[in-house]
Amino acid sequence: MVFQEASYLRGTSGDSVTQTEGPITLSEGAPVILNCTYQTSYSAPFLFWYVQYPNKAPQLLLKSSIENQRTEHQGFQADLLMSDSSFHLQKPSVQMSDSAVYYCALRDTDPAWPRR
């Protein structure tokens, strides 16, 4: 299976998100960590992970906004660590169905996301 990451994103305000370059090839059952670090002038930013499956639009996977808060969904988890400006995505055991492109994103305000 292949995990593909966007390597670099920059906003118009100079804020940026940097991810480990992909693709990453893993065997089923292996652990994965997708790195995401960010730079921002915001004191309480919102961080997001999106996933884009083949031939599908990107969709929200995880979001967080409080320091050291762990967020989890579909076996994935991420901790927003403002101390080192990171929001790494991890899963202890990947499945073939996890093959996709993963994007880390940043913004200053919380958009109105539909509730799960």
PDB file of N, CA and C in Angstrom:
ATOM      1  N   MET A   1       0.841  -1.169   0.000  1.00  0.00           N
ATOM      2  CA  MET A   1       0.000   0.000   0.000  1.00  0.00           C
ATOM      3  C   MET A   1       0.884   1.229   0.000  1.00  0.00           C
ATOM      4  N   VAL A   2       0.355   2.328  -0.490  1.00  0.00           N
ATOM      5  CA  VAL A   2       1.147   3.542  -0.652  1.00  0.00           C
ATOM      6  C   VAL A   2       0.456   4.717   0.035  1.00  0.00           C
ATOM      7  N   PHE A   3       1.198   5.403   0.880  1.00  0.00           N
ATOM      8  CA  PHE A   3       0.753   6.646   1.483  1.00  0.00           C
ATOM      9  C   PHE A   3       1.485   7.770   0.771  1.00  0.00           C
ATOM     10  N   GLN A   4       0.750   8.704   0.234  1.00  0.00           N
ATOM     11  CA  GLN A   4       1.351   9.827  -0.478  1.00  0.00           C
ATOM     12  C   GLN A   4       1.027  11.094   0.308  1.00  0.00           C
ATOM     13  N   GLU A   5       2.033  11.942   0.482  1.00  0.00           N
ATOM     14  CA  GLU A   5       1.821  13.191   1.204  1.00  0.00           C
ATOM     15  C   GLU A   5       2.151  14.378   0.320  1.00  0.00           C
ATOM     16  N   ALA A   6       1.396  15.448   0.480  1.00  0.00           N
ATOM     17  CA  ALA A   6       1.782  16.720  -0.096  1.00  0.00           C
ATOM     18  C   ALA A   6       3.010  17.199   0.668  1.00  0.00           C
ATOM     19  N   SER A   7       4.003  17.747  -0.016  1.00  0.00           N
ATOM     20  CA  SER A   7       5.263  18.040   0.651  1.00  0.00           C
ATOM     21  C   SER A   7       5.315  19.413   1.292  1.00  0.00           C
ATOM     22  N   TYR A   8       4.581  20.406   0.756  1.00  0.00           N
ATOM     23  CA  TYR A   8       4.715  21.746   1.308  1.00  0.00           C
ATOM     24  C   TYR A   8       3.524  22.599   0.926  1.00  0.00           C
ATOM     25  N   LEU A   9       2.966  23.294   1.888  1.00  0.00           N
ATOM     26  CA  LEU A   9       1.836  24.194   1.645  1.00  0.00           C
ATOM     27  C   LEU A   9       2.119  25.519   2.335  1.00  0.00           C
ATOM     28  N   ARG A  10       1.826  26.635   1.664  1.00  0.00           N
ATOM     29  CA  ARG A  10       2.039  27.943   2.276  1.00  0.00           C
ATOM     30  C   ARG A  10       0.820  28.816   2.059  1.00  0.00           C
ATOM     31  N   GLY A  11       0.373  29.477   3.117  1.00  0.00           N
ATOM     32  CA  GLY A  11      -0.747  30.397   3.025  1.00  0.00           C
ATOM     33  C   GLY A  11      -0.295  31.780   2.604  1.00  0.00           C
ATOM     34  N   THR A  12      -1.242  32.633   2.275  1.00  0.00           N
ATOM     35  CA  THR A  12      -0.916  33.973   1.804  1.00  0.00           C
ATOM     36  C   THR A  12      -0.347  34.846   2.928  1.00  0.00           C
ATOM     37  N   SER A  13      -0.621  34.515   4.167  1.00  0.00           N
ATOM     38  CA  SER A  13      -0.127  35.311   5.287  1.00  0.00           C
ATOM     39  C   SER A  13       1.293  34.936   5.696  1.00  0.00           C
ATOM     40  N   GLY A  14       1.900  33.960   5.024  1.00  0.00           N
ATOM     41  CA  GLY A  14       3.231  33.506   5.388  1.00  0.00           C
ATOM     42  C   GLY A  14       3.227  32.297   6.282  1.00  0.00           C
ATOM     43  N   ASP A  15       2.070  31.901   6.789  1.00  0.00           N
ATOM     44  CA  ASP A  15       1.980  30.672   7.573  1.00  0.00           C
ATOM     45  C   ASP A  15       2.224  29.485   6.650  1.00  0.00           C
ATOM     46  N   SER A  16       2.793  28.418   7.194  1.00  0.00           N
ATOM     47  CA  SER A  16       3.118  27.283   6.338  1.00  0.00           C
ATOM     48  C   SER A  16       2.973  25.959   7.066  1.00  0.00           C
ATOM     49  N   VAL A  17       2.823  24.915   6.266  1.00  0.00           N
ATOM     50  CA  VAL A  17       2.758  23.539   6.737  1.00  0.00           C
ATOM     51  C   VAL A  17       3.756  22.738   5.908  1.00  0.00           C
ATOM     52  N   THR A  18       4.573  21.947   6.583  1.00  0.00           N
ATOM     53  CA  THR A  18       5.558  21.109   5.889  1.00  0.00           C
ATOM     54  C   THR A  18       5.334  19.656   6.278  1.00  0.00           C
ATOM     55  N   GLN A  19       5.282  18.789   5.282  1.00  0.00           N
ATOM     56  CA  GLN A  19       5.095  17.362   5.515  1.00  0.00           C
ATOM     57  C   GLN A  19       6.291  16.580   4.980  1.00  0.00           C
ATOM     58  N   THR A  20       6.486  15.388   5.534  1.00  0.00           N
ATOM     59  CA  THR A  20       7.481  14.472   4.992  1.00  0.00           C
ATOM     60  C   THR A  20       7.094  14.127   3.564  1.00  0.00           C
ATOM     61  N   GLU A  21       8.061  14.146   2.673  1.00  0.00           N
ATOM     62  CA  GLU A  21       7.740  13.846   1.285  1.00  0.00           C
ATOM     63  C   GLU A  21       7.422  12.369   1.104  1.00  0.00           C
ATOM     64  N   GLY A  22       6.425  12.079   0.267  1.00  0.00           N
ATOM     65  CA  GLY A  22       6.025  10.710  -0.044  1.00  0.00           C
ATOM     66  C   GLY A  22       6.498  10.347  -1.413  1.00  0.00           C
ATOM     67  N   PRO A  23       6.128   9.209  -1.951  1.00  0.00           N
ATOM     68  CA  PRO A  23       5.222   8.246  -1.314  1.00  0.00           C
ATOM     69  C   PRO A  23       5.928   7.344  -0.299  1.00  0.00           C
ATOM     70  N   ILE A  24       5.136   6.787   0.581  1.00  0.00           N
ATOM     71  CA  ILE A  24       5.615   5.826   1.569  1.00  0.00           C
ATOM     72  C   ILE A  24       4.943   4.498   1.265  1.00  0.00           C
ATOM     73  N   THR A  25       5.735   3.454   1.072  1.00  0.00           N
ATOM     74  CA  THR A  25       5.189   2.125   0.780  1.00  0.00           C
ATOM     75  C   THR A  25       5.311   1.252   2.020  1.00  0.00           C
ATOM     76  N   LEU A  26       4.199   0.666   2.439  1.00  0.00           N
ATOM     77  CA  LEU A  26       4.152  -0.147   3.652  1.00  0.00           C
ATOM     78  C   LEU A  26       3.445  -1.461   3.394  1.00  0.00           C
ATOM     79  N   SER A  27       3.743  -2.436   4.226  1.00  0.00           N
ATOM     80  CA  SER A  27       3.018  -3.699   4.205  1.00  0.00           C
ATOM     81  C   SER A  27       1.805  -3.589   5.116  1.00  0.00           C
ATOM     82  N   GLU A  28       0.772  -4.351   4.806  1.00  0.00           N
ATOM     83  CA  GLU A  28      -0.419  -4.358   5.643  1.00  0.00           C
ATOM     84  C   GLU A  28      -0.046  -4.792   7.056  1.00  0.00           C
ATOM     85  N   GLY A  29      -0.578  -4.065   8.048  1.00  0.00           N
ATOM     86  CA  GLY A  29      -0.288  -4.359   9.444  1.00  0.00           C
ATOM     87  C   GLY A  29       0.875  -3.564  10.009  1.00  0.00           C
ATOM     88  N   ALA A  30       1.602  -2.861   9.159  1.00  0.00           N
ATOM     89  CA  ALA A  30       2.737  -2.065   9.622  1.00  0.00           C
ATOM     90  C   ALA A  30       2.247  -0.742  10.218  1.00  0.00           C
ATOM     91  N   PRO A  31       3.029  -0.152  11.134  1.00  0.00           N
ATOM     92  CA  PRO A  31       2.670   1.164  11.662  1.00  0.00           C
ATOM     93  C   PRO A  31       3.098   2.258  10.692  1.00  0.00           C
ATOM     94  N   VAL A  32       2.429   3.404  10.785  1.00  0.00           N
ATOM     95  CA  VAL A  32       2.813   4.537   9.946  1.00  0.00           C
ATOM     96  C   VAL A  32       2.754   5.821  10.764  1.00  0.00           C
ATOM     97  N   ILE A  33       3.703   6.711  10.492  1.00  0.00           N
ATOM     98  CA  ILE A  33       3.682   8.066  11.038  1.00  0.00           C
ATOM     99  C   ILE A  33       3.925   9.018   9.874  1.00  0.00           C
ATOM    100  N   LEU A  34       2.991   9.934   9.663  1.00  0.00           N
ATOM    101  CA  LEU A  34       3.125  10.962   8.640  1.00  0.00           C
ATOM    102  C   LEU A  34       3.406  12.275   9.365  1.00  0.00           C
ATOM    103  N   ASN A  35       4.571  12.840   9.098  1.00  0.00           N
ATOM    104  CA  ASN A  35       5.001  14.027   9.817  1.00  0.00           C
ATOM    105  C   ASN A  35       4.373  15.295   9.275  1.00  0.00           C
ATOM    106  N   CYS A  36       4.013  16.191  10.165  1.00  0.00           N
ATOM    107  CA  CYS A  36       3.491  17.511   9.802  1.00  0.00           C
ATOM    108  C   CYS A  36       4.001  18.522  10.822  1.00  0.00           C
ATOM    109  N   THR A  37       4.751  19.502  10.346  1.00  0.00           N
ATOM    110  CA  THR A  37       5.152  20.620  11.181  1.00  0.00           C
ATOM    111  C   THR A  37       4.618  21.894  10.548  1.00  0.00           C
ATOM    112  N   TYR A  38       4.457  22.916  11.352  1.00  0.00           N
ATOM    113  CA  TYR A  38       3.841  24.141  10.841  1.00  0.00           C
ATOM    114  C   TYR A  38       4.510  25.373  11.430  1.00  0.00           C
ATOM    115  N   GLN A  39       4.328  26.481  10.752  1.00  0.00           N
ATOM    116  CA  GLN A  39       4.744  27.795  11.241  1.00  0.00           C
ATOM    117  C   GLN A  39       3.546  28.711  11.130  1.00  0.00           C
ATOM    118  N   THR A  40       3.269  29.463  12.185  1.00  0.00           N
ATOM    119  CA  THR A  40       2.125  30.366  12.165  1.00  0.00           C
ATOM    120  C   THR A  40       2.316  31.487  13.169  1.00  0.00           C
ATOM    121  N   SER A  41       1.671  32.592  12.911  1.00  0.00           N
ATOM    122  CA  SER A  41       1.676  33.703  13.858  1.00  0.00           C
ATOM    123  C   SER A  41       0.468  33.623  14.793  1.00  0.00           C
ATOM    124  N   TYR A  42      -0.436  32.668  14.535  1.00  0.00           N
ATOM    125  CA  TYR A  42      -1.636  32.534  15.358  1.00  0.00           C
ATOM    126  C   TYR A  42      -1.301  31.875  16.691  1.00  0.00           C
ATOM    127  N   SER A  43      -1.931  32.348  17.758  1.00  0.00           N
ATOM    128  CA  SER A  43      -1.645  31.795  19.080  1.00  0.00           C
ATOM    129  C   SER A  43      -2.385  30.487  19.346  1.00  0.00           C
ATOM    130  N   ALA A  44      -3.494  30.267  18.658  1.00  0.00           N
ATOM    131  CA  ALA A  44      -4.275  29.040  18.849  1.00  0.00           C
ATOM    132  C   ALA A  44      -4.781  28.544  17.494  1.00  0.00           C
ATOM    133  N   PRO A  45      -3.889  28.014  16.668  1.00  0.00           N
ATOM    134  CA  PRO A  45      -4.295  27.591  15.329  1.00  0.00           C
ATOM    135  C   PRO A  45      -5.105  26.298  15.345  1.00  0.00           C
ATOM    136  N   PHE A  46      -5.827  26.080  14.260  1.00  0.00           N
ATOM    137  CA  PHE A  46      -6.524  24.815  14.033  1.00  0.00           C
ATOM    138  C   PHE A  46      -5.716  24.018  13.022  1.00  0.00           C
ATOM    139  N   LEU A  47      -5.438  22.757  13.333  1.00  0.00           N
ATOM    140  CA  LEU A  47      -4.708  21.870  12.437  1.00  0.00           C
ATOM    141  C   LEU A  47      -5.625  20.757  11.974  1.00  0.00           C
ATOM    142  N   PHE A  48      -5.431  20.337  10.726  1.00  0.00           N
ATOM    143  CA  PHE A  48      -6.306  19.358  10.091  1.00  0.00           C
ATOM    144  C   PHE A  48      -5.484  18.323   9.326  1.00  0.00           C
ATOM    145  N   TRP A  49      -5.979  17.115   9.273  1.00  0.00           N
ATOM    146  CA  TRP A  49      -5.509  16.108   8.326  1.00  0.00           C
ATOM    147  C   TRP A  49      -6.668  15.768   7.404  1.00  0.00           C
ATOM    148  N   TYR A  50      -6.403  15.830   6.096  1.00  0.00           N
ATOM    149  CA  TYR A  50      -7.364  15.419   5.085  1.00  0.00           C
ATOM    150  C   TYR A  50      -6.842  14.161   4.415  1.00  0.00           C
ATOM    151  N   VAL A  51      -7.753  13.352   3.926  1.00  0.00           N
ATOM    152  CA  VAL A  51      -7.395  12.157   3.172  1.00  0.00           C
ATOM    153  C   VAL A  51      -8.118  12.204   1.829  1.00  0.00           C
ATOM    154  N   GLN A  52      -7.385  11.815   0.783  1.00  0.00           N
ATOM    155  CA  GLN A  52      -7.984  11.748  -0.556  1.00  0.00           C
ATOM    156  C   GLN A  52      -7.755  10.350  -1.112  1.00  0.00           C
ATOM    157  N   TYR A  53      -8.837   9.591  -1.172  1.00  0.00           N
ATOM    158  CA  TYR A  53      -8.768   8.240  -1.731  1.00  0.00           C
ATOM    159  C   TYR A  53      -8.787   8.324  -3.251  1.00  0.00           C
ATOM    160  N   PRO A  54      -8.287   7.294  -3.931  1.00  0.00           N
ATOM    161  CA  PRO A  54      -8.232   7.337  -5.396  1.00  0.00           C
ATOM    162  C   PRO A  54      -9.581   7.679  -6.024  1.00  0.00           C
ATOM    163  N   ASN A  55      -9.567   8.623  -6.941  1.00  0.00           N
ATOM    164  CA  ASN A  55     -10.752   9.062  -7.685  1.00  0.00           C
ATOM    165  C   ASN A  55     -11.840   9.669  -6.807  1.00  0.00           C
ATOM    166  N   LYS A  56     -11.458  10.186  -5.635  1.00  0.00           N
ATOM    167  CA  LYS A  56     -12.396  10.825  -4.717  1.00  0.00           C
ATOM    168  C   LYS A  56     -11.898  12.216  -4.365  1.00  0.00           C
ATOM    169  N   ALA A  57     -12.809  13.051  -3.874  1.00  0.00           N
ATOM    170  CA  ALA A  57     -12.435  14.375  -3.383  1.00  0.00           C
ATOM    171  C   ALA A  57     -11.792  14.240  -1.999  1.00  0.00           C
ATOM    172  N   PRO A  58     -10.926  15.182  -1.616  1.00  0.00           N
ATOM    173  CA  PRO A  58     -10.374  15.150  -0.258  1.00  0.00           C
ATOM    174  C   PRO A  58     -11.482  15.269   0.779  1.00  0.00           C
ATOM    175  N   GLN A  59     -11.292  14.594   1.914  1.00  0.00           N
ATOM    176  CA  GLN A  59     -12.259  14.674   3.002  1.00  0.00           C
ATOM    177  C   GLN A  59     -11.531  14.819   4.328  1.00  0.00           C
ATOM    178  N   LEU A  60     -12.183  15.475   5.278  1.00  0.00           N
ATOM    179  CA  LEU A  60     -11.583  15.696   6.584  1.00  0.00           C
ATOM    180  C   LEU A  60     -11.411  14.370   7.324  1.00  0.00           C
ATOM    181  N   LEU A  61     -10.213  14.153   7.864  1.00  0.00           N
ATOM    182  CA  LEU A  61      -9.938  12.961   8.659  1.00  0.00           C
ATOM    183  C   LEU A  61      -9.869  13.316  10.146  1.00  0.00           C
ATOM    184  N   LEU A  62      -9.052  14.325  10.487  1.00  0.00           N
ATOM    185  CA  LEU A  62      -8.865  14.726  11.881  1.00  0.00           C
ATOM    186  C   LEU A  62      -8.684  16.235  11.971  1.00  0.00           C
ATOM    187  N   LYS A  63      -9.061  16.814  13.105  1.00  0.00           N
ATOM    188  CA  LYS A  63      -8.728  18.209  13.374  1.00  0.00           C
ATOM    189  C   LYS A  63      -8.488  18.387  14.862  1.00  0.00           C
ATOM    190  N   SER A  64      -7.694  19.405  15.213  1.00  0.00           N
ATOM    191  CA  SER A  64      -7.410  19.677  16.612  1.00  0.00           C
ATOM    192  C   SER A  64      -7.080  21.152  16.781  1.00  0.00           C
ATOM    193  N   SER A  65      -7.301  21.652  17.999  1.00  0.00           N
ATOM    194  CA  SER A  65      -7.032  23.058  18.229  1.00  0.00           C
ATOM    195  C   SER A  65      -6.502  23.372  19.626  1.00  0.00           C
ATOM    196  N   ILE A  66      -6.335  22.369  20.471  1.00  0.00           N
ATOM    197  CA  ILE A  66      -5.888  22.597  21.840  1.00  0.00           C
ATOM    198  C   ILE A  66      -4.559  21.896  22.054  1.00  0.00           C
ATOM    199  N   GLU A  67      -3.629  22.573  22.681  1.00  0.00           N
ATOM    200  CA  GLU A  67      -2.290  22.026  22.876  1.00  0.00           C
ATOM    201  C   GLU A  67      -2.337  20.640  23.525  1.00  0.00           C
ATOM    202  N   ASN A  68      -1.557  19.726  22.953  1.00  0.00           N
ATOM    203  CA  ASN A  68      -1.425  18.344  23.434  1.00  0.00           C
ATOM    204  C   ASN A  68      -2.712  17.535  23.342  1.00  0.00           C
ATOM    205  N   GLN A  69      -3.697  18.038  22.648  1.00  0.00           N
ATOM    206  CA  GLN A  69      -4.943  17.281  22.513  1.00  0.00           C
ATOM    207  C   GLN A  69      -4.776  16.185  21.480  1.00  0.00           C
ATOM    208  N   ARG A  70      -5.150  14.994  21.854  1.00  0.00           N
ATOM    209  CA  ARG A  70      -5.123  13.865  20.927  1.00  0.00           C
ATOM    210  C   ARG A  70      -6.488  13.742  20.279  1.00  0.00           C
ATOM    211  N   THR A  71      -6.489  13.586  18.973  1.00  0.00           N
ATOM    212  CA  THR A  71      -7.725  13.375  18.248  1.00  0.00           C
ATOM    213  C   THR A  71      -7.609  12.064  17.489  1.00  0.00           C
ATOM    214  N   GLU A  72      -8.695  11.315  17.398  1.00  0.00           N
ATOM    215  CA  GLU A  72      -8.674   9.991  16.779  1.00  0.00           C
ATOM    216  C   GLU A  72      -9.883   9.808  15.874  1.00  0.00           C
ATOM    217  N   HIS A  73      -9.666   9.061  14.779  1.00  0.00           N
ATOM    218  CA  HIS A  73     -10.753   8.709  13.868  1.00  0.00           C
ATOM    219  C   HIS A  73     -10.268   7.607  12.933  1.00  0.00           C
ATOM    220  N   GLN A  74     -11.070   6.589  12.754  1.00  0.00           N
ATOM    221  CA  GLN A  74     -10.793   5.468  11.848  1.00  0.00           C
ATOM    222  C   GLN A  74      -9.434   4.824  12.125  1.00  0.00           C
ATOM    223  N   GLY A  75      -9.068   4.752  13.404  1.00  0.00           N
ATOM    224  CA  GLY A  75      -7.808   4.130  13.782  1.00  0.00           C
ATOM    225  C   GLY A  75      -6.603   5.045  13.691  1.00  0.00           C
ATOM    226  N   PHE A  76      -6.767   6.227  13.094  1.00  0.00           N
ATOM    227  CA  PHE A  76      -5.693   7.214  13.023  1.00  0.00           C
ATOM    228  C   PHE A  76      -5.760   8.091  14.266  1.00  0.00           C
ATOM    229  N   GLN A  77      -4.618   8.628  14.659  1.00  0.00           N
ATOM    230  CA  GLN A  77      -4.590   9.573  15.757  1.00  0.00           C
ATOM    231  C   GLN A  77      -3.506  10.615  15.492  1.00  0.00           C
ATOM    232  N   ALA A  78      -3.696  11.782  16.073  1.00  0.00           N
ATOM    233  CA  ALA A  78      -2.715  12.856  15.953  1.00  0.00           C
ATOM    234  C   ALA A  78      -2.762  13.703  17.205  1.00  0.00           C
ATOM    235  N   ASP A  79      -1.593  14.171  17.637  1.00  0.00           N
ATOM    236  CA  ASP A  79      -1.477  15.057  18.786  1.00  0.00           C
ATOM    237  C   ASP A  79      -1.005  16.418  18.291  1.00  0.00           C
ATOM    238  N   LEU A  80      -1.744  17.459  18.624  1.00  0.00           N
ATOM    239  CA  LEU A  80      -1.306  18.811  18.319  1.00  0.00           C
ATOM    240  C   LEU A  80      -0.376  19.258  19.433  1.00  0.00           C
ATOM    241  N   LEU A  81       0.907  19.375  19.105  1.00  0.00           N
ATOM    242  CA  LEU A  81       1.908  19.791  20.081  1.00  0.00           C
ATOM    243  C   LEU A  81       2.405  21.173  19.692  1.00  0.00           C
ATOM    244  N   MET A  82       1.855  22.180  20.333  1.00  0.00           N
ATOM    245  CA  MET A  82       2.242  23.542  20.006  1.00  0.00           C
ATOM    246  C   MET A  82       3.671  23.823  20.445  1.00  0.00           C
ATOM    247  N   SER A  83       4.189  23.064  21.417  1.00  0.00           N
ATOM    248  CA  SER A  83       5.554  23.252  21.902  1.00  0.00           C
ATOM    249  C   SER A  83       6.590  22.999  20.811  1.00  0.00           C
ATOM    250  N   ASP A  84       6.314  22.063  19.909  1.00  0.00           N
ATOM    251  CA  ASP A  84       7.242  21.838  18.794  1.00  0.00           C
ATOM    252  C   ASP A  84       6.565  22.008  17.438  1.00  0.00           C
ATOM    253  N   SER A  85       5.404  22.657  17.432  1.00  0.00           N
ATOM    254  CA  SER A  85       4.690  22.992  16.188  1.00  0.00           C
ATOM    255  C   SER A  85       4.495  21.774  15.298  1.00  0.00           C
ATOM    256  N   SER A  86       3.949  20.709  15.877  1.00  0.00           N
ATOM    257  CA  SER A  86       3.756  19.481  15.108  1.00  0.00           C
ATOM    258  C   SER A  86       2.343  18.943  15.262  1.00  0.00           C
ATOM    259  N   PHE A  87       1.925  18.198  14.239  1.00  0.00           N
ATOM    260  CA  PHE A  87       0.625  17.526  14.235  1.00  0.00           C
ATOM    261  C   PHE A  87       0.778  16.245  13.422  1.00  0.00           C
ATOM    262  N   HIS A  88       1.612  15.331  13.915  1.00  0.00           N
ATOM    263  CA  HIS A  88       1.932  14.103  13.208  1.00  0.00           C
ATOM    264  C   HIS A  88       0.753  13.127  13.241  1.00  0.00           C
ATOM    265  N   LEU A  89       0.489  12.520  12.092  1.00  0.00           N
ATOM    266  CA  LEU A  89      -0.587  11.536  11.964  1.00  0.00           C
ATOM    267  C   LEU A  89       0.007  10.146  12.104  1.00  0.00           C
ATOM    268  N   GLN A  90      -0.637   9.302  12.899  1.00  0.00           N
ATOM    269  CA  GLN A  90      -0.123   7.941  13.053  1.00  0.00           C
ATOM    270  C   GLN A  90      -1.247   6.918  13.141  1.00  0.00           C
ATOM    271  N   LYS A  91      -0.890   5.717  12.750  1.00  0.00           N
ATOM    272  CA  LYS A  91      -1.796   4.577  12.868  1.00  0.00           C
ATOM    273  C   LYS A  91      -0.937   3.359  13.164  1.00  0.00           C
ATOM    274  N   PRO A  92      -1.271   2.595  14.201  1.00  0.00           N
ATOM    275  CA  PRO A  92      -0.410   1.470  14.596  1.00  0.00           C
ATOM    276  C   PRO A  92      -0.414   0.298  13.625  1.00  0.00           C
ATOM    277  N   SER A  93      -1.478   0.158  12.850  1.00  0.00           N
ATOM    278  CA  SER A  93      -1.574  -0.982  11.935  1.00  0.00           C
ATOM    279  C   SER A  93      -2.385  -0.573  10.709  1.00  0.00           C
ATOM    280  N   VAL A  94      -1.698  -0.334   9.589  1.00  0.00           N
ATOM    281  CA  VAL A  94      -2.390   0.144   8.395  1.00  0.00           C
ATOM    282  C   VAL A  94      -3.049  -0.998   7.631  1.00  0.00           C
ATOM    283  N   GLN A  95      -4.067  -0.640   6.876  1.00  0.00           N
ATOM    284  CA  GLN A  95      -4.782  -1.591   6.037  1.00  0.00           C
ATOM    285  C   GLN A  95      -4.677  -1.140   4.583  1.00  0.00           C
ATOM    286  N   MET A  96      -4.923  -2.040   3.672  1.00  0.00           N
ATOM    287  CA  MET A  96      -4.874  -1.711   2.260  1.00  0.00           C
ATOM    288  C   MET A  96      -5.811  -0.547   1.933  1.00  0.00           C
ATOM    289  N   SER A  97      -6.936  -0.501   2.618  1.00  0.00           N
ATOM    290  CA  SER A  97      -7.921   0.548   2.369  1.00  0.00           C
ATOM    291  C   SER A  97      -7.435   1.935   2.796  1.00  0.00           C
ATOM    292  N   ASP A  98      -6.311   2.017   3.511  1.00  0.00           N
ATOM    293  CA  ASP A  98      -5.744   3.300   3.920  1.00  0.00           C
ATOM    294  C   ASP A  98      -4.890   3.943   2.833  1.00  0.00           C
ATOM    295  N   SER A  99      -4.652   3.241   1.727  1.00  0.00           N
ATOM    296  CA  SER A  99      -3.846   3.794   0.638  1.00  0.00           C
ATOM    297  C   SER A  99      -4.526   5.038   0.082  1.00  0.00           C
ATOM    298  N   ALA A 100      -3.835   6.167   0.135  1.00  0.00           N
ATOM    299  CA  ALA A 100      -4.447   7.445  -0.230  1.00  0.00           C
ATOM    300  C   ALA A 100      -3.393   8.539  -0.195  1.00  0.00           C
ATOM    301  N   VAL A 101      -3.808   9.749  -0.530  1.00  0.00           N
ATOM    302  CA  VAL A 101      -2.976  10.940  -0.363  1.00  0.00           C
ATOM    303  C   VAL A 101      -3.446  11.639   0.901  1.00  0.00           C
ATOM    304  N   TYR A 102      -2.505  12.024   1.761  1.00  0.00           N
ATOM    305  CA  TYR A 102      -2.815  12.661   3.036  1.00  0.00           C
ATOM    306  C   TYR A 102      -2.249  14.079   3.055  1.00  0.00           C
ATOM    307  N   TYR A 103      -3.077  15.026   3.479  1.00  0.00           N
ATOM    308  CA  TYR A 103      -2.697  16.433   3.509  1.00  0.00           C
ATOM    309  C   TYR A 103      -2.856  16.992   4.921  1.00  0.00           C
ATOM    310  N   CYS A 104      -1.855  17.677   5.383  1.00  0.00           N
ATOM    311  CA  CYS A 104      -1.937  18.420   6.635  1.00  0.00           C
ATOM    312  C   CYS A 104      -2.232  19.874   6.286  1.00  0.00           C
ATOM    313  N   ALA A 105      -3.127  20.507   7.047  1.00  0.00           N
ATOM    314  CA  ALA A 105      -3.519  21.884   6.758  1.00  0.00           C
ATOM    315  C   ALA A 105      -3.660  22.674   8.056  1.00  0.00           C
ATOM    316  N   LEU A 106      -3.599  23.988   7.905  1.00  0.00           N
ATOM    317  CA  LEU A 106      -3.613  24.910   9.034  1.00  0.00           C
ATOM    318  C   LEU A 106      -4.511  26.088   8.721  1.00  0.00           C
ATOM    319  N   ARG A 107      -5.243  26.569   9.720  1.00  0.00           N
ATOM    320  CA  ARG A 107      -5.953  27.841   9.572  1.00  0.00           C
ATOM    321  C   ARG A 107      -6.137  28.477  10.940  1.00  0.00           C
ATOM    322  N   ASP A 108      -6.476  29.775  10.933  1.00  0.00           N
ATOM    323  CA  ASP A 108      -6.562  30.511  12.189  1.00  0.00           C
ATOM    324  C   ASP A 108      -7.911  30.398  12.863  1.00  0.00           C
ATOM    325  N   THR A 109      -8.956  30.096  12.100  1.00  0.00           N
ATOM    326  CA  THR A 109     -10.291  29.987  12.678  1.00  0.00           C
ATOM    327  C   THR A 109     -10.899  28.643  12.323  1.00  0.00           C
ATOM    328  N   ASP A 110     -11.837  28.212  13.123  1.00  0.00           N
ATOM    329  CA  ASP A 110     -12.484  26.923  12.917  1.00  0.00           C
ATOM    330  C   ASP A 110     -13.614  27.074  11.899  1.00  0.00           C
ATOM    331  N   PRO A 111     -13.502  26.441  10.736  1.00  0.00           N
ATOM    332  CA  PRO A 111     -14.607  26.510   9.791  1.00  0.00           C
ATOM    333  C   PRO A 111     -15.798  25.719  10.303  1.00  0.00           C
ATOM    334  N   ALA A 112     -16.936  25.964   9.735  1.00  0.00           N
ATOM    335  CA  ALA A 112     -18.162  25.269  10.166  1.00  0.00           C
ATOM    336  C   ALA A 112     -18.210  23.889   9.526  1.00  0.00           C
ATOM    337  N   TRP A 113     -17.568  22.917  10.156  1.00  0.00           N
ATOM    338  CA  TRP A 113     -17.559  21.558   9.634  1.00  0.00           C
ATOM    339  C   TRP A 113     -18.847  20.848  10.030  1.00  0.00           C
ATOM    340  N   PRO A 114     -19.357  20.001   9.177  1.00  0.00           N
ATOM    341  CA  PRO A 114     -20.514  19.190   9.582  1.00  0.00           C
ATOM    342  C   PRO A 114     -20.145  18.280  10.746  1.00  0.00           C
ATOM    343  N   ARG A 115     -21.048  18.098  11.638  1.00  0.00           N
ATOM    344  CA  ARG A 115     -20.816  17.212  12.776  1.00  0.00           C
ATOM    345  C   ARG A 115     -20.867  15.766  12.324  1.00  0.00           C
ATOM    346  N   ARG A 116     -20.011  14.952  12.907  1.00  0.00           N
ATOM    347  CA  ARG A 116     -20.018  13.506  12.600  1.00  0.00           C
ATOM    348  C   ARG A 116     -21.071  12.843  13.451  1.00  0.00           C
TER     349      ARG A 116
END
